[in-house]
Amino acid sequence: MELLEKDYICEGQVNIHYIEIKNQRPALLLIHGQCMCSKDYESVFQELGERYHVYAVDCPGHGKSEKRAEIYTCHRLGELLCEFIQKNIGAPCVVSGHSSGGILAAYIAGKLPEMVSGLLLEDPPFFNVEPEEMQNTFVYKDGFQLYHHYLNQTEEKEFMVYYLKNSYIFGLFGKKFQEKIAEEARQYLHTHPGEELHLEKIKEASLHGYKYIYDFDFLFSESFYTGSWFEGVNQEKILQDIGCPTVYLKAKTKYGPKKVLWAANTKESSDRMMKLMTNAERVVVRSGHDIHYEKPEKFIKALDLLENNRQCSDFI
């Protein structure tokens, strides 16, 4: 299996970098979540490459793709990815999107009904990610708000050191612990420039969401913090416009202290999604948010449900 790294230049000279795995099978477009990139799918590339002609994009603002603040809206990014399908893939495809990439995938399915044959929504945060919706969520406290404060300070240049000092989740272990791991991170990054961060007392999976952080434009996150990411679109309409067979792969809802939502969306928001989609099956998985990384076998089975038009009762 050969992974080809390529670039596609969209209208307006917007570069989309992507990984392609060629195959005579149907096309599959993968859209990663916020802070990640196409390489986040490495754990499933081998199996996917045997089943599909894979296109895994770096969403603009991430990886090696264009970084330009004015294009960081669901509408603009969605239209760019529609062009990518129409002019670069050039054939009907299955679209799979994780997290914010799932919102984009849903947008694309509604805009290109003739080009999207199936849709896999991997834990998209519908109805829990606009400013008025997300104040008591993990993604706001440990993500959008923290990134916003990082952008508006000048004392700390090293993001991971700033993050560990100010993180919501690591703050639950106490300020002394935070200071200790932040200093450990500073020393590690100084002696291992350009390498992925490893800390003695922190599991690798706990830092996975920041593996590609130095290829991420924090202004992408700022668009969620301000709400500008949703300008010109309506979450309900995005879901209502989906016509193709859809599998909604949801990580089980859970809460932290003080009822902070530690999941992409609440059960109520998830039920609301299901009422709006007319041709969707929901599969709930005991997993963290990045299901294809934590539970790759579940991710592959979710695609099987789409491909074979099987029922969720077949999902083991």
C-alpha atoms as a PDB file:
ATOM      1  CA  MET A   1       0.000   0.000   0.000  1.00  0.00           C
ATOM      2  CA  GLU A   2       1.409   3.359  -1.039  1.00  0.00           C
ATOM      3  CA  LEU A   3       0.424   6.633   0.630  1.00  0.00           C
ATOM      4  CA  LEU A   4       0.716   9.499  -1.833  1.00  0.00           C
ATOM      5  CA  GLU A   5       0.913  13.057  -0.491  1.00  0.00           C
ATOM      6  CA  LYS A   6      -0.622  15.559  -2.895  1.00  0.00           C
ATOM      7  CA  ASP A   7      -1.990  19.095  -3.137  1.00  0.00           C
ATOM      8  CA  TYR A   8      -5.157  20.371  -4.803  1.00  0.00           C
ATOM      9  CA  ILE A   9      -5.554  24.100  -5.483  1.00  0.00           C
ATOM     10  CA  CYS A  10      -9.183  25.202  -5.101  1.00  0.00           C
ATOM     11  CA  GLU A  11     -10.871  28.316  -6.406  1.00  0.00           C
ATOM     12  CA  GLY A  12      -9.323  31.385  -4.806  1.00  0.00           C
ATOM     13  CA  GLN A  13      -5.914  29.688  -4.710  1.00  0.00           C
ATOM     14  CA  VAL A  14      -6.739  27.745  -1.551  1.00  0.00           C
ATOM     15  CA  ASN A  15      -4.412  24.782  -1.171  1.00  0.00           C
ATOM     16  CA  ILE A  16      -5.801  21.509   0.200  1.00  0.00           C
ATOM     17  CA  HIS A  17      -3.128  18.976   1.054  1.00  0.00           C
ATOM     18  CA  TYR A  18      -4.240  15.346   1.140  1.00  0.00           C
ATOM     19  CA  ILE A  19      -3.125  11.735   1.362  1.00  0.00           C
ATOM     20  CA  GLU A  20      -4.312   9.413  -1.386  1.00  0.00           C
ATOM     21  CA  ILE A  21      -4.335   5.616  -1.363  1.00  0.00           C
ATOM     22  CA  LYS A  22      -5.209   4.438  -4.860  1.00  0.00           C
ATOM     23  CA  ASN A  23      -7.552   1.511  -5.329  1.00  0.00           C
ATOM     24  CA  GLN A  24     -10.102   0.426  -7.921  1.00  0.00           C
ATOM     25  CA  ARG A  25     -12.718   0.359  -5.166  1.00  0.00           C
ATOM     26  CA  PRO A  26     -15.226   3.174  -4.420  1.00  0.00           C
ATOM     27  CA  ALA A  27     -13.845   6.503  -3.236  1.00  0.00           C
ATOM     28  CA  LEU A  28     -13.792   7.478   0.451  1.00  0.00           C
ATOM     29  CA  LEU A  29     -13.174  11.035   1.659  1.00  0.00           C
ATOM     30  CA  LEU A  30     -11.905  11.400   5.246  1.00  0.00           C
ATOM     31  CA  ILE A  31     -12.243  14.753   7.051  1.00  0.00           C
ATOM     32  CA  HIS A  32     -10.436  14.902  10.403  1.00  0.00           C
ATOM     33  CA  GLY A  33     -11.431  16.852  13.504  1.00  0.00           C
ATOM     34  CA  GLN A  34     -10.126  20.124  14.889  1.00  0.00           C
ATOM     35  CA  CYS A  35      -6.406  20.310  15.812  1.00  0.00           C
ATOM     36  CA  MET A  36      -5.705  17.084  13.902  1.00  0.00           C
ATOM     37  CA  CYS A  37      -4.751  16.314  10.286  1.00  0.00           C
ATOM     38  CA  SER A  38      -5.026  13.551   7.700  1.00  0.00           C
ATOM     39  CA  LYS A  39      -2.350  11.490   9.479  1.00  0.00           C
ATOM     40  CA  ASP A  40      -4.704  11.012  12.424  1.00  0.00           C
ATOM     41  CA  TYR A  41      -6.206   8.164  10.359  1.00  0.00           C
ATOM     42  CA  GLU A  42      -2.910   6.214  10.272  1.00  0.00           C
ATOM     43  CA  SER A  43      -4.319   3.428  12.446  1.00  0.00           C
ATOM     44  CA  VAL A  44      -6.999   2.619   9.851  1.00  0.00           C
ATOM     45  CA  PHE A  45      -5.187   3.459   6.601  1.00  0.00           C
ATOM     46  CA  GLN A  46      -4.099  -0.148   5.958  1.00  0.00           C
ATOM     47  CA  GLU A  47      -7.586  -1.610   6.164  1.00  0.00           C
ATOM     48  CA  LEU A  48      -9.271   1.316   4.437  1.00  0.00           C
ATOM     49  CA  GLY A  49      -6.721   1.171   1.620  1.00  0.00           C
ATOM     50  CA  GLU A  50      -7.803  -2.392   0.870  1.00  0.00           C
ATOM     51  CA  ARG A  51     -11.478  -1.394   0.632  1.00  0.00           C
ATOM     52  CA  TYR A  52     -11.520   2.119  -0.826  1.00  0.00           C
ATOM     53  CA  HIS A  53      -9.752   4.637  -2.988  1.00  0.00           C
ATOM     54  CA  VAL A  54      -8.912   6.866  -0.024  1.00  0.00           C
ATOM     55  CA  TYR A  55      -8.643  10.655   0.033  1.00  0.00           C
ATOM     56  CA  ALA A  56      -7.714  11.972   3.494  1.00  0.00           C
ATOM     57  CA  VAL A  57      -7.549  15.765   3.510  1.00  0.00           C
ATOM     58  CA  ASP A  58      -5.824  18.256   5.760  1.00  0.00           C
ATOM     59  CA  CYS A  59      -8.724  20.617   6.379  1.00  0.00           C
ATOM     60  CA  PRO A  60      -7.625  24.244   5.786  1.00  0.00           C
ATOM     61  CA  GLY A  61      -6.130  25.597   8.988  1.00  0.00           C
ATOM     62  CA  HIS A  62      -4.499  22.231   9.673  1.00  0.00           C
ATOM     63  CA  GLY A  63      -1.496  20.191   8.550  1.00  0.00           C
ATOM     64  CA  LYS A  64      -0.009  21.302   5.244  1.00  0.00           C
ATOM     65  CA  SER A  65      -3.166  22.956   3.912  1.00  0.00           C
ATOM     66  CA  GLU A  66      -3.936  26.659   3.526  1.00  0.00           C
ATOM     67  CA  LYS A  67      -3.991  28.765   6.682  1.00  0.00           C
ATOM     68  CA  ARG A  68      -6.146  31.822   6.109  1.00  0.00           C
ATOM     69  CA  ALA A  69      -8.572  33.118   8.752  1.00  0.00           C
ATOM     70  CA  GLU A  70     -11.236  34.383   6.352  1.00  0.00           C
ATOM     71  CA  ILE A  71     -12.010  30.862   5.087  1.00  0.00           C
ATOM     72  CA  TYR A  72     -12.627  29.367   8.556  1.00  0.00           C
ATOM     73  CA  THR A  73     -16.393  29.038   8.319  1.00  0.00           C
ATOM     74  CA  CYS A  74     -18.524  25.943   7.819  1.00  0.00           C
ATOM     75  CA  HIS A  75     -19.952  27.405   4.606  1.00  0.00           C
ATOM     76  CA  ARG A  76     -16.609  28.365   3.031  1.00  0.00           C
ATOM     77  CA  LEU A  77     -14.807  25.173   4.028  1.00  0.00           C
ATOM     78  CA  GLY A  78     -17.779  23.077   2.994  1.00  0.00           C
ATOM     79  CA  GLU A  79     -17.837  24.667  -0.454  1.00  0.00           C
ATOM     80  CA  LEU A  80     -14.094  24.123  -0.890  1.00  0.00           C
ATOM     81  CA  LEU A  81     -14.484  20.442  -0.041  1.00  0.00           C
ATOM     82  CA  CYS A  82     -17.462  20.170  -2.401  1.00  0.00           C
ATOM     83  CA  GLU A  83     -15.165  21.447  -5.148  1.00  0.00           C
ATOM     84  CA  PHE A  84     -12.521  18.921  -4.082  1.00  0.00           C
ATOM     85  CA  ILE A  85     -15.041  16.096  -4.579  1.00  0.00           C
ATOM     86  CA  GLN A  86     -16.421  17.401  -7.871  1.00  0.00           C
ATOM     87  CA  LYS A  87     -13.148  18.298  -9.565  1.00  0.00           C
ATOM     88  CA  ASN A  88     -10.486  16.157  -7.899  1.00  0.00           C
ATOM     89  CA  ILE A  89     -12.286  12.939  -6.945  1.00  0.00           C
ATOM     90  CA  GLY A  90     -14.752  13.297  -9.806  1.00  0.00           C
ATOM     91  CA  ALA A  91     -17.015  10.404  -8.810  1.00  0.00           C
ATOM     92  CA  PRO A  92     -19.578   9.541  -6.123  1.00  0.00           C
ATOM     93  CA  CYS A  93     -17.924   8.777  -2.812  1.00  0.00           C
ATOM     94  CA  VAL A  94     -18.528   7.883   0.793  1.00  0.00           C
ATOM     95  CA  VAL A  95     -17.733  10.818   3.098  1.00  0.00           C
ATOM     96  CA  SER A  96     -16.597  10.315   6.681  1.00  0.00           C
ATOM     97  CA  GLY A  97     -16.049  13.236   9.030  1.00  0.00           C
ATOM     98  CA  HIS A  98     -14.866  13.338  12.632  1.00  0.00           C
ATOM     99  CA  SER A  99     -15.909  16.034  15.124  1.00  0.00           C
ATOM    100  CA  SER A 100     -15.967  19.425  13.320  1.00  0.00           C
ATOM    101  CA  GLY A 101     -15.120  17.403  10.212  1.00  0.00           C
ATOM    102  CA  GLY A 102     -18.410  15.590  10.785  1.00  0.00           C
ATOM    103  CA  ILE A 103     -20.300  18.869  10.569  1.00  0.00           C
ATOM    104  CA  LEU A 104     -18.489  19.584   7.297  1.00  0.00           C
ATOM    105  CA  ALA A 105     -19.268  16.077   6.029  1.00  0.00           C
ATOM    106  CA  ALA A 106     -22.968  16.600   6.782  1.00  0.00           C
ATOM    107  CA  TYR A 107     -22.886  19.970   4.986  1.00  0.00           C
ATOM    108  CA  ILE A 108     -21.301  18.357   1.909  1.00  0.00           C
ATOM    109  CA  ALA A 109     -23.859  15.532   1.826  1.00  0.00           C
ATOM    110  CA  GLY A 110     -26.675  18.063   1.722  1.00  0.00           C
ATOM    111  CA  LYS A 111     -25.025  20.148  -0.991  1.00  0.00           C
ATOM    112  CA  LEU A 112     -23.945  17.248  -3.233  1.00  0.00           C
ATOM    113  CA  PRO A 113     -26.655  14.570  -3.010  1.00  0.00           C
ATOM    114  CA  GLU A 114     -25.611  13.124  -6.374  1.00  0.00           C
ATOM    115  CA  MET A 115     -21.953  12.817  -5.338  1.00  0.00           C
ATOM    116  CA  VAL A 116     -22.212  11.478  -1.774  1.00  0.00           C
ATOM    117  CA  SER A 117     -23.300   7.841  -1.756  1.00  0.00           C
ATOM    118  CA  GLY A 118     -22.965   7.345   1.985  1.00  0.00           C
ATOM    119  CA  LEU A 119     -22.131   9.355   5.087  1.00  0.00           C
ATOM    120  CA  LEU A 120     -20.334   8.416   8.306  1.00  0.00           C
ATOM    121  CA  LEU A 121     -20.674  11.020  11.051  1.00  0.00           C
ATOM    122  CA  GLU A 122     -18.073  10.291  13.712  1.00  0.00           C
ATOM    123  CA  ASP A 123     -19.111  12.017  16.937  1.00  0.00           C
ATOM    124  CA  PRO A 124     -19.932  15.464  15.453  1.00  0.00           C
ATOM    125  CA  PRO A 125     -20.743  18.105  18.126  1.00  0.00           C
ATOM    126  CA  PHE A 126     -24.069  19.298  16.709  1.00  0.00           C
ATOM    127  CA  PHE A 127     -26.026  21.580  19.080  1.00  0.00           C
ATOM    128  CA  ASN A 128     -23.241  21.732  21.668  1.00  0.00           C
ATOM    129  CA  VAL A 129     -20.590  23.859  19.980  1.00  0.00           C
ATOM    130  CA  GLU A 130     -21.992  27.314  19.223  1.00  0.00           C
ATOM    131  CA  PRO A 131     -21.052  29.943  21.866  1.00  0.00           C
ATOM    132  CA  GLU A 132     -24.390  29.905  23.666  1.00  0.00           C
ATOM    133  CA  GLU A 133     -24.435  26.093  23.675  1.00  0.00           C
ATOM    134  CA  MET A 134     -20.943  25.221  24.876  1.00  0.00           C
ATOM    135  CA  GLN A 135     -20.196  27.214  28.025  1.00  0.00           C
ATOM    136  CA  ASN A 136     -20.253  24.141  30.306  1.00  0.00           C
ATOM    137  CA  THR A 137     -18.457  21.700  28.032  1.00  0.00           C
ATOM    138  CA  PHE A 138     -15.003  20.140  28.023  1.00  0.00           C
ATOM    139  CA  VAL A 139     -14.289  21.415  24.514  1.00  0.00           C
ATOM    140  CA  TYR A 140     -14.900  24.985  25.640  1.00  0.00           C
ATOM    141  CA  LYS A 141     -13.013  24.830  28.938  1.00  0.00           C
ATOM    142  CA  ASP A 142     -10.051  22.773  27.686  1.00  0.00           C
ATOM    143  CA  GLY A 143     -10.147  24.002  24.095  1.00  0.00           C
ATOM    144  CA  PHE A 144     -11.773  27.104  22.649  1.00  0.00           C
ATOM    145  CA  GLN A 145     -11.496  29.277  25.760  1.00  0.00           C
ATOM    146  CA  LEU A 146      -7.934  28.186  26.487  1.00  0.00           C
ATOM    147  CA  TYR A 147      -6.822  28.760  22.878  1.00  0.00           C
ATOM    148  CA  HIS A 148      -8.450  32.200  22.927  1.00  0.00           C
ATOM    149  CA  HIS A 149      -6.516  33.157  26.060  1.00  0.00           C
ATOM    150  CA  TYR A 150      -3.293  31.791  24.562  1.00  0.00           C
ATOM    151  CA  LEU A 151      -3.732  33.995  21.496  1.00  0.00           C
ATOM    152  CA  ASN A 152      -4.288  37.024  23.696  1.00  0.00           C
ATOM    153  CA  GLN A 153      -1.207  36.697  25.918  1.00  0.00           C
ATOM    154  CA  THR A 154       2.487  37.278  25.219  1.00  0.00           C
ATOM    155  CA  GLU A 155       4.275  35.751  28.208  1.00  0.00           C
ATOM    156  CA  GLU A 156       4.434  32.118  27.027  1.00  0.00           C
ATOM    157  CA  LYS A 157       5.497  31.274  23.471  1.00  0.00           C
ATOM    158  CA  GLU A 158       5.473  27.481  23.855  1.00  0.00           C
ATOM    159  CA  PHE A 159       1.880  26.347  23.470  1.00  0.00           C
ATOM    160  CA  MET A 160       2.119  22.945  25.159  1.00  0.00           C
ATOM    161  CA  VAL A 161       3.731  24.511  28.218  1.00  0.00           C
ATOM    162  CA  TYR A 162       0.936  27.099  28.323  1.00  0.00           C
ATOM    163  CA  TYR A 163      -1.672  24.385  27.836  1.00  0.00           C
ATOM    164  CA  LEU A 164      -0.391  22.164  30.640  1.00  0.00           C
ATOM    165  CA  LYS A 165      -0.200  25.110  33.029  1.00  0.00           C
ATOM    166  CA  ASN A 166      -3.751  26.226  32.267  1.00  0.00           C
ATOM    167  CA  SER A 167      -5.556  23.077  31.163  1.00  0.00           C
ATOM    168  CA  TYR A 168      -8.995  22.391  32.598  1.00  0.00           C
ATOM    169  CA  ILE A 169      -8.481  18.622  32.676  1.00  0.00           C
ATOM    170  CA  PHE A 170      -4.991  18.623  34.220  1.00  0.00           C
ATOM    171  CA  GLY A 171      -6.116  21.340  36.615  1.00  0.00           C
ATOM    172  CA  LEU A 172      -8.298  18.729  38.296  1.00  0.00           C
ATOM    173  CA  PHE A 173      -5.060  17.213  39.675  1.00  0.00           C
ATOM    174  CA  GLY A 174      -3.936  20.453  41.318  1.00  0.00           C
ATOM    175  CA  LYS A 175      -1.766  23.448  40.443  1.00  0.00           C
ATOM    176  CA  LYS A 176       1.481  21.882  41.710  1.00  0.00           C
ATOM    177  CA  PHE A 177       1.005  18.917  39.395  1.00  0.00           C
ATOM    178  CA  GLN A 178       0.330  21.257  36.483  1.00  0.00           C
ATOM    179  CA  GLU A 179       3.469  23.292  37.156  1.00  0.00           C
ATOM    180  CA  LYS A 180       5.537  20.109  37.347  1.00  0.00           C
ATOM    181  CA  ILE A 181       4.366  18.606  34.063  1.00  0.00           C
ATOM    182  CA  ALA A 182       4.578  21.994  32.327  1.00  0.00           C
ATOM    183  CA  GLU A 183       8.231  22.311  33.317  1.00  0.00           C
ATOM    184  CA  GLU A 184       8.868  18.715  32.247  1.00  0.00           C
ATOM    185  CA  ALA A 185       7.296  19.558  28.882  1.00  0.00           C
ATOM    186  CA  ARG A 186       9.490  22.654  28.519  1.00  0.00           C
ATOM    187  CA  GLN A 187      12.638  20.600  29.106  1.00  0.00           C
ATOM    188  CA  TYR A 188      11.528  17.805  26.765  1.00  0.00           C
ATOM    189  CA  LEU A 189      10.631  20.140  23.913  1.00  0.00           C
ATOM    190  CA  HIS A 190      13.920  21.983  24.350  1.00  0.00           C
ATOM    191  CA  THR A 191      15.950  18.779  24.035  1.00  0.00           C
ATOM    192  CA  HIS A 192      13.669  17.166  21.404  1.00  0.00           C
ATOM    193  CA  PRO A 193      12.790  20.012  19.014  1.00  0.00           C
ATOM    194  CA  GLY A 194      10.163  19.137  16.451  1.00  0.00           C
ATOM    195  CA  GLU A 195       9.261  15.840  18.151  1.00  0.00           C
ATOM    196  CA  GLU A 196       5.975  14.676  19.630  1.00  0.00           C
ATOM    197  CA  LEU A 197       5.729  15.458  23.337  1.00  0.00           C
ATOM    198  CA  HIS A 198       6.156  12.574  25.815  1.00  0.00           C
ATOM    199  CA  LEU A 199       5.739  12.998  29.559  1.00  0.00           C
ATOM    200  CA  GLU A 200       6.673  10.481  32.239  1.00  0.00           C
ATOM    201  CA  LYS A 201       3.355  10.386  34.132  1.00  0.00           C
ATOM    202  CA  ILE A 202       0.956  11.183  31.301  1.00  0.00           C
ATOM    203  CA  LYS A 203      -0.325   8.430  29.020  1.00  0.00           C
ATOM    204  CA  GLU A 204       0.344   8.946  25.322  1.00  0.00           C
ATOM    205  CA  ALA A 205      -3.385   8.721  24.563  1.00  0.00           C
ATOM    206  CA  SER A 206      -4.046  11.664  26.902  1.00  0.00           C
ATOM    207  CA  LEU A 207      -1.960  13.932  24.661  1.00  0.00           C
ATOM    208  CA  HIS A 208      -3.068  12.470  21.340  1.00  0.00           C
ATOM    209  CA  GLY A 209      -5.310  15.440  20.610  1.00  0.00           C
ATOM    210  CA  TYR A 210      -2.201  17.651  20.531  1.00  0.00           C
ATOM    211  CA  LYS A 211      -0.006  15.425  18.382  1.00  0.00           C
ATOM    212  CA  TYR A 212      -0.343  17.777  15.393  1.00  0.00           C
ATOM    213  CA  ILE A 213      -0.866  21.039  17.276  1.00  0.00           C
ATOM    214  CA  TYR A 214       2.145  22.798  15.748  1.00  0.00           C
ATOM    215  CA  ASP A 215       0.559  22.483  12.302  1.00  0.00           C
ATOM    216  CA  PHE A 216      -2.713  24.010  13.554  1.00  0.00           C
ATOM    217  CA  ASP A 217      -3.845  27.613  13.127  1.00  0.00           C
ATOM    218  CA  PHE A 218      -5.436  28.708  16.421  1.00  0.00           C
ATOM    219  CA  LEU A 219      -7.569  31.207  14.499  1.00  0.00           C
ATOM    220  CA  PHE A 220      -9.576  28.196  13.319  1.00  0.00           C
ATOM    221  CA  SER A 221     -10.502  27.557  16.950  1.00  0.00           C
ATOM    222  CA  GLU A 222     -11.150  31.271  17.461  1.00  0.00           C
ATOM    223  CA  SER A 223     -13.916  31.072  14.858  1.00  0.00           C
ATOM    224  CA  PHE A 224     -15.742  28.620  17.144  1.00  0.00           C
ATOM    225  CA  TYR A 225     -15.066  30.783  20.207  1.00  0.00           C
ATOM    226  CA  THR A 226     -16.668  33.814  18.538  1.00  0.00           C
ATOM    227  CA  GLY A 227     -19.350  31.828  16.686  1.00  0.00           C
ATOM    228  CA  SER A 228     -18.258  33.045  13.262  1.00  0.00           C
ATOM    229  CA  TRP A 229     -17.671  29.446  12.086  1.00  0.00           C
ATOM    230  CA  PHE A 230     -21.451  28.986  11.748  1.00  0.00           C
ATOM    231  CA  GLU A 231     -22.147  32.253   9.895  1.00  0.00           C
ATOM    232  CA  GLY A 232     -24.566  31.697   7.036  1.00  0.00           C
ATOM    233  CA  VAL A 233     -25.523  28.149   8.023  1.00  0.00           C
ATOM    234  CA  ASN A 234     -28.114  26.552  10.276  1.00  0.00           C
ATOM    235  CA  GLN A 235     -27.342  23.330  12.149  1.00  0.00           C
ATOM    236  CA  GLU A 236     -30.864  21.942  11.804  1.00  0.00           C
ATOM    237  CA  LYS A 237     -30.970  22.583   8.067  1.00  0.00           C
ATOM    238  CA  ILE A 238     -27.570  20.926   7.558  1.00  0.00           C
ATOM    239  CA  LEU A 239     -28.970  17.725   9.060  1.00  0.00           C
ATOM    240  CA  GLN A 240     -32.369  17.980   7.342  1.00  0.00           C
ATOM    241  CA  ASP A 241     -30.685  18.277   3.937  1.00  0.00           C
ATOM    242  CA  ILE A 242     -28.894  14.911   4.240  1.00  0.00           C
ATOM    243  CA  GLY A 243     -30.532  12.387   1.920  1.00  0.00           C
ATOM    244  CA  CYS A 244     -27.990   9.583   1.597  1.00  0.00           C
ATOM    245  CA  PRO A 245     -27.685   6.553   3.921  1.00  0.00           C
ATOM    246  CA  THR A 246     -25.983   7.737   7.114  1.00  0.00           C
ATOM    247  CA  VAL A 247     -24.337   6.067  10.085  1.00  0.00           C
ATOM    248  CA  TYR A 248     -23.997   8.299  13.123  1.00  0.00           C
ATOM    249  CA  LEU A 249     -21.180   6.897  15.273  1.00  0.00           C
ATOM    250  CA  LYS A 250     -21.480   8.451  18.733  1.00  0.00           C
ATOM    251  CA  ALA A 251     -19.160   8.192  21.733  1.00  0.00           C
ATOM    252  CA  LYS A 252     -21.202   7.547  24.859  1.00  0.00           C
ATOM    253  CA  THR A 253     -22.228  10.758  26.631  1.00  0.00           C
ATOM    254  CA  LYS A 254     -20.466  11.355  29.945  1.00  0.00           C
ATOM    255  CA  TYR A 255     -20.050  14.197  32.419  1.00  0.00           C
ATOM    256  CA  GLY A 256     -17.232  15.400  34.660  1.00  0.00           C
ATOM    257  CA  PRO A 257     -17.339  17.380  37.927  1.00  0.00           C
ATOM    258  CA  LYS A 258     -20.035  20.067  38.150  1.00  0.00           C
ATOM    259  CA  LYS A 259     -21.865  18.390  35.264  1.00  0.00           C
ATOM    260  CA  VAL A 260     -19.370  19.596  32.669  1.00  0.00           C
ATOM    261  CA  LEU A 261     -20.134  17.760  29.404  1.00  0.00           C
ATOM    262  CA  TRP A 262     -17.172  15.484  28.616  1.00  0.00           C
ATOM    263  CA  ALA A 263     -18.523  14.429  25.230  1.00  0.00           C
ATOM    264  CA  ALA A 264     -19.262  15.880  21.820  1.00  0.00           C
ATOM    265  CA  ASN A 265     -22.942  16.281  22.625  1.00  0.00           C
ATOM    266  CA  THR A 266     -25.614  15.444  25.139  1.00  0.00           C
ATOM    267  CA  LYS A 267     -28.112  12.628  24.739  1.00  0.00           C
ATOM    268  CA  GLU A 268     -30.763  15.279  24.100  1.00  0.00           C
ATOM    269  CA  SER A 269     -28.696  16.842  21.310  1.00  0.00           C
ATOM    270  CA  SER A 270     -28.014  13.401  19.864  1.00  0.00           C
ATOM    271  CA  ASP A 271     -31.734  12.571  19.881  1.00  0.00           C
ATOM    272  CA  ARG A 272     -32.423  15.896  18.189  1.00  0.00           C
ATOM    273  CA  MET A 273     -29.960  14.967  15.438  1.00  0.00           C
ATOM    274  CA  MET A 274     -31.710  11.666  14.846  1.00  0.00           C
ATOM    275  CA  LYS A 275     -35.111  13.358  14.499  1.00  0.00           C
ATOM    276  CA  LEU A 276     -33.730  15.685  11.828  1.00  0.00           C
ATOM    277  CA  MET A 277     -32.014  13.016   9.708  1.00  0.00           C
ATOM    278  CA  THR A 278     -34.354  10.893   7.596  1.00  0.00           C
ATOM    279  CA  ASN A 279     -32.076   7.985   6.649  1.00  0.00           C
ATOM    280  CA  ALA A 280     -29.708   7.495   9.592  1.00  0.00           C
ATOM    281  CA  GLU A 281     -28.685   4.743  11.989  1.00  0.00           C
ATOM    282  CA  ARG A 282     -27.089   5.648  15.329  1.00  0.00           C
ATOM    283  CA  VAL A 283     -24.390   3.500  16.930  1.00  0.00           C
ATOM    284  CA  VAL A 284     -23.239   4.395  20.461  1.00  0.00           C
ATOM    285  CA  VAL A 285     -19.716   3.314  21.399  1.00  0.00           C
ATOM    286  CA  ARG A 286     -17.925   3.250  24.746  1.00  0.00           C
ATOM    287  CA  SER A 287     -15.000   5.357  23.620  1.00  0.00           C
ATOM    288  CA  GLY A 288     -13.405   8.744  23.826  1.00  0.00           C
ATOM    289  CA  HIS A 289     -14.114  11.323  21.164  1.00  0.00           C
ATOM    290  CA  ASP A 290     -11.539  10.120  18.590  1.00  0.00           C
ATOM    291  CA  ILE A 291     -13.232   6.786  17.885  1.00  0.00           C
ATOM    292  CA  HIS A 292     -11.200   5.820  14.811  1.00  0.00           C
ATOM    293  CA  TYR A 293      -8.028   6.175  16.921  1.00  0.00           C
ATOM    294  CA  GLU A 294      -9.262   4.551  20.134  1.00  0.00           C
ATOM    295  CA  LYS A 295     -11.572   1.929  18.638  1.00  0.00           C
ATOM    296  CA  PRO A 296     -10.469   1.437  15.013  1.00  0.00           C
ATOM    297  CA  GLU A 297     -12.399  -1.817  14.711  1.00  0.00           C
ATOM    298  CA  LYS A 298     -15.638   0.017  15.571  1.00  0.00           C
ATOM    299  CA  PHE A 299     -14.908   2.668  12.967  1.00  0.00           C
ATOM    300  CA  ILE A 300     -14.364   0.027  10.281  1.00  0.00           C
ATOM    301  CA  LYS A 301     -17.578  -1.770  11.271  1.00  0.00           C
ATOM    302  CA  ALA A 302     -19.480   1.505  11.008  1.00  0.00           C
ATOM    303  CA  LEU A 303     -18.314   1.820   7.410  1.00  0.00           C
ATOM    304  CA  ASP A 304     -19.413  -1.799   6.881  1.00  0.00           C
ATOM    305  CA  LEU A 305     -22.915  -0.827   7.982  1.00  0.00           C
ATOM    306  CA  LEU A 306     -22.969   1.806   5.254  1.00  0.00           C
ATOM    307  CA  GLU A 307     -21.424  -0.335   2.546  1.00  0.00           C
ATOM    308  CA  ASN A 308     -23.577  -3.387   3.129  1.00  0.00           C
ATOM    309  CA  ASN A 309     -26.756  -1.593   4.233  1.00  0.00           C
ATOM    310  CA  ARG A 310     -26.742  -3.694   7.395  1.00  0.00           C
ATOM    311  CA  GLN A 311     -28.635  -2.921  10.572  1.00  0.00           C
ATOM    312  CA  CYS A 312     -27.169  -1.558  13.797  1.00  0.00           C
ATOM    313  CA  SER A 313     -28.083  -4.877  15.445  1.00  0.00           C
ATOM    314  CA  ASP A 314     -25.189  -6.311  13.400  1.00  0.00           C
ATOM    315  CA  PHE A 315     -22.793  -3.953  15.181  1.00  0.00           C
ATOM    316  CA  ILE A 316     -20.947  -5.955  17.820  1.00  0.00           C
END
